[in-house]
Amino acid sequence: MELVSMSSTYWMTRFDIIGMGREEPAMNAEQHERLTEAIYETDINPVIKVENKHLMVSADSSVTYGTIEVPAQDENFRFSQEPVLLLKEEGIEPMRRVMASILE
């Protein structure tokens, strides 16, 4: 997987984004582990940005390598093959706090 630094905040890479009947976004567990080792110093769930939305992505061994499955009810993410922005480590904690406050 090629990671390109796009700014002080994001890496860019490519994944197939597929809407599925799941509650939270997920990617292949092995790829999740490799990704977190490559760009983060801890085992955390990466945050992606696709089409102006931030999503925290968990690991799931049933997901096809190279794919991120997202909840199907979100029509904006059905079968999209756009570039994916990965939040760099410096932005993870602030984004987690924002996402947690929204979900409360």
C-alpha atoms as a PDB file:
ATOM      1  CA  MET A   1       0.000   0.000   0.000  1.00  0.00           C
ATOM      2  CA  GLU A   2       1.424   3.343  -1.028  1.00  0.00           C
ATOM      3  CA  LEU A   3       1.034   6.221   1.412  1.00  0.00           C
ATOM      4  CA  VAL A   4       1.516   9.755   0.127  1.00  0.00           C
ATOM      5  CA  SER A   5       1.815  12.656   2.572  1.00  0.00           C
ATOM      6  CA  MET A   6      -0.841  15.172   1.504  1.00  0.00           C
ATOM      7  CA  SER A   7      -0.455  17.677   4.333  1.00  0.00           C
ATOM      8  CA  SER A   8       0.584  17.897   7.960  1.00  0.00           C
ATOM      9  CA  THR A   9      -2.741  16.237   8.787  1.00  0.00           C
ATOM     10  CA  TYR A  10      -3.347  13.491   6.185  1.00  0.00           C
ATOM     11  CA  TRP A  11      -1.806  10.596   4.291  1.00  0.00           C
ATOM     12  CA  MET A  12      -3.466   9.562   1.027  1.00  0.00           C
ATOM     13  CA  THR A  13      -3.894   6.006  -0.243  1.00  0.00           C
ATOM     14  CA  ARG A  14      -6.514   4.037  -2.171  1.00  0.00           C
ATOM     15  CA  PHE A  15      -9.074   1.510  -0.997  1.00  0.00           C
ATOM     16  CA  ASP A  16     -12.241   0.142  -2.499  1.00  0.00           C
ATOM     17  CA  ILE A  17     -15.051   1.553  -0.369  1.00  0.00           C
ATOM     18  CA  ILE A  18     -18.102  -0.703  -0.298  1.00  0.00           C
ATOM     19  CA  GLY A  19     -21.417  -0.170   1.463  1.00  0.00           C
ATOM     20  CA  MET A  20     -22.340  -3.248   3.507  1.00  0.00           C
ATOM     21  CA  GLY A  21     -24.833  -4.180   6.202  1.00  0.00           C
ATOM     22  CA  ARG A  22     -22.567  -3.398   9.130  1.00  0.00           C
ATOM     23  CA  GLU A  23     -22.789  -0.853  11.930  1.00  0.00           C
ATOM     24  CA  GLU A  24     -19.261   0.551  11.721  1.00  0.00           C
ATOM     25  CA  PRO A  25     -16.568   0.816   9.043  1.00  0.00           C
ATOM     26  CA  ALA A  26     -14.049  -2.054   8.948  1.00  0.00           C
ATOM     27  CA  MET A  27     -11.034  -3.204   6.973  1.00  0.00           C
ATOM     28  CA  ASN A  28      -9.116  -6.460   6.731  1.00  0.00           C
ATOM     29  CA  ALA A  29      -7.516  -7.259  10.113  1.00  0.00           C
ATOM     30  CA  GLU A  30      -4.065  -8.003   8.671  1.00  0.00           C
ATOM     31  CA  GLN A  31      -4.101  -4.809   6.614  1.00  0.00           C
ATOM     32  CA  HIS A  32      -5.349  -2.851   9.648  1.00  0.00           C
ATOM     33  CA  GLU A  33      -2.361  -4.130  11.663  1.00  0.00           C
ATOM     34  CA  ARG A  34       0.133  -3.276   8.901  1.00  0.00           C
ATOM     35  CA  LEU A  35      -1.373   0.171   8.431  1.00  0.00           C
ATOM     36  CA  THR A  36      -1.325   1.057  12.109  1.00  0.00           C
ATOM     37  CA  GLU A  37       2.277  -0.174  12.413  1.00  0.00           C
ATOM     38  CA  ALA A  38       3.289   1.919   9.387  1.00  0.00           C
ATOM     39  CA  ILE A  39       1.720   5.239  10.355  1.00  0.00           C
ATOM     40  CA  TYR A  40       0.885   5.117  14.072  1.00  0.00           C
ATOM     41  CA  GLU A  41       3.037   4.153  17.040  1.00  0.00           C
ATOM     42  CA  THR A  42       0.202   2.358  18.771  1.00  0.00           C
ATOM     43  CA  ASP A  43      -2.543  -0.086  17.822  1.00  0.00           C
ATOM     44  CA  ILE A  44      -5.401   2.335  17.239  1.00  0.00           C
ATOM     45  CA  ASN A  45      -8.224   2.405  14.759  1.00  0.00           C
ATOM     46  CA  PRO A  46      -7.339   4.644  11.828  1.00  0.00           C
ATOM     47  CA  VAL A  47      -9.603   7.524  10.935  1.00  0.00           C
ATOM     48  CA  ILE A  48     -10.296   7.927   7.225  1.00  0.00           C
ATOM     49  CA  LYS A  49     -11.765  10.843   5.357  1.00  0.00           C
ATOM     50  CA  VAL A  50     -13.786  10.095   2.246  1.00  0.00           C
ATOM     51  CA  GLU A  51     -16.109  12.600   0.580  1.00  0.00           C
ATOM     52  CA  ASN A  52     -15.798  15.078   3.491  1.00  0.00           C
ATOM     53  CA  LYS A  53     -16.719  12.514   6.171  1.00  0.00           C
ATOM     54  CA  HIS A  54     -14.445  11.155   8.892  1.00  0.00           C
ATOM     55  CA  LEU A  55     -14.902   7.503   9.875  1.00  0.00           C
ATOM     56  CA  MET A  56     -13.059   5.404  12.460  1.00  0.00           C
ATOM     57  CA  VAL A  57     -12.186   2.019  10.910  1.00  0.00           C
ATOM     58  CA  SER A  58     -11.945  -1.178  12.961  1.00  0.00           C
ATOM     59  CA  ALA A  59     -10.306  -4.503  12.066  1.00  0.00           C
ATOM     60  CA  ASP A  60     -12.305  -7.472  10.768  1.00  0.00           C
ATOM     61  CA  SER A  61     -10.745 -10.598   9.280  1.00  0.00           C
ATOM     62  CA  SER A  62     -13.815 -11.205   7.088  1.00  0.00           C
ATOM     63  CA  VAL A  63     -13.231  -8.004   5.056  1.00  0.00           C
ATOM     64  CA  THR A  64     -11.444  -8.434   1.718  1.00  0.00           C
ATOM     65  CA  TYR A  65      -7.869  -7.100   1.628  1.00  0.00           C
ATOM     66  CA  GLY A  66      -7.798  -3.643   0.012  1.00  0.00           C
ATOM     67  CA  THR A  67     -11.414  -2.888   0.924  1.00  0.00           C
ATOM     68  CA  ILE A  68     -13.079  -0.763   3.566  1.00  0.00           C
ATOM     69  CA  GLU A  69     -16.664  -1.759   4.265  1.00  0.00           C
ATOM     70  CA  VAL A  70     -18.954   1.007   5.519  1.00  0.00           C
ATOM     71  CA  PRO A  71     -22.579   1.022   6.719  1.00  0.00           C
ATOM     72  CA  ALA A  72     -24.894   0.564   3.725  1.00  0.00           C
ATOM     73  CA  GLN A  73     -27.413   3.122   4.944  1.00  0.00           C
ATOM     74  CA  ASP A  74     -24.885   5.838   4.080  1.00  0.00           C
ATOM     75  CA  GLU A  75     -25.612   6.254   0.370  1.00  0.00           C
ATOM     76  CA  ASN A  76     -22.534   8.467  -0.201  1.00  0.00           C
ATOM     77  CA  PHE A  77     -20.215   5.500   0.295  1.00  0.00           C
ATOM     78  CA  ARG A  78     -21.721   2.859  -1.987  1.00  0.00           C
ATOM     79  CA  PHE A  79     -19.039   1.307  -4.168  1.00  0.00           C
ATOM     80  CA  SER A  80     -16.899   4.465  -4.187  1.00  0.00           C
ATOM     81  CA  GLN A  81     -13.333   4.043  -5.451  1.00  0.00           C
ATOM     82  CA  GLU A  82     -12.070   7.506  -4.562  1.00  0.00           C
ATOM     83  CA  PRO A  83      -8.742   8.175  -2.849  1.00  0.00           C
ATOM     84  CA  VAL A  84      -8.868   7.771   0.917  1.00  0.00           C
ATOM     85  CA  LEU A  85      -7.267  10.227   3.314  1.00  0.00           C
ATOM     86  CA  LEU A  86      -5.875   8.743   6.530  1.00  0.00           C
ATOM     87  CA  LEU A  87      -5.604  11.042   9.488  1.00  0.00           C
ATOM     88  CA  LYS A  88      -2.012  11.293  10.728  1.00  0.00           C
ATOM     89  CA  GLU A  89      -1.237  10.396  14.324  1.00  0.00           C
ATOM     90  CA  GLU A  90      -1.257  14.017  15.525  1.00  0.00           C
ATOM     91  CA  GLY A  91      -4.909  14.360  14.537  1.00  0.00           C
ATOM     92  CA  ILE A  92      -6.275  11.098  15.924  1.00  0.00           C
ATOM     93  CA  GLU A  93      -6.911  12.127  19.546  1.00  0.00           C
ATOM     94  CA  PRO A  94      -8.590  15.464  18.715  1.00  0.00           C
ATOM     95  CA  MET A  95     -10.781  13.701  16.135  1.00  0.00           C
ATOM     96  CA  ARG A  96     -11.669  10.942  18.614  1.00  0.00           C
ATOM     97  CA  ARG A  97     -12.789  13.560  21.143  1.00  0.00           C
ATOM     98  CA  VAL A  98     -14.955  15.287  18.532  1.00  0.00           C
ATOM     99  CA  MET A  99     -16.464  11.992  17.354  1.00  0.00           C
ATOM    100  CA  ALA A 100     -17.139  10.872  20.939  1.00  0.00           C
ATOM    101  CA  SER A 101     -18.883  14.131  21.797  1.00  0.00           C
ATOM    102  CA  ILE A 102     -21.121  13.789  18.731  1.00  0.00           C
ATOM    103  CA  LEU A 103     -22.107  10.237  19.686  1.00  0.00           C
ATOM    104  CA  GLU A 104     -23.010  11.146  23.283  1.00  0.00           C
END
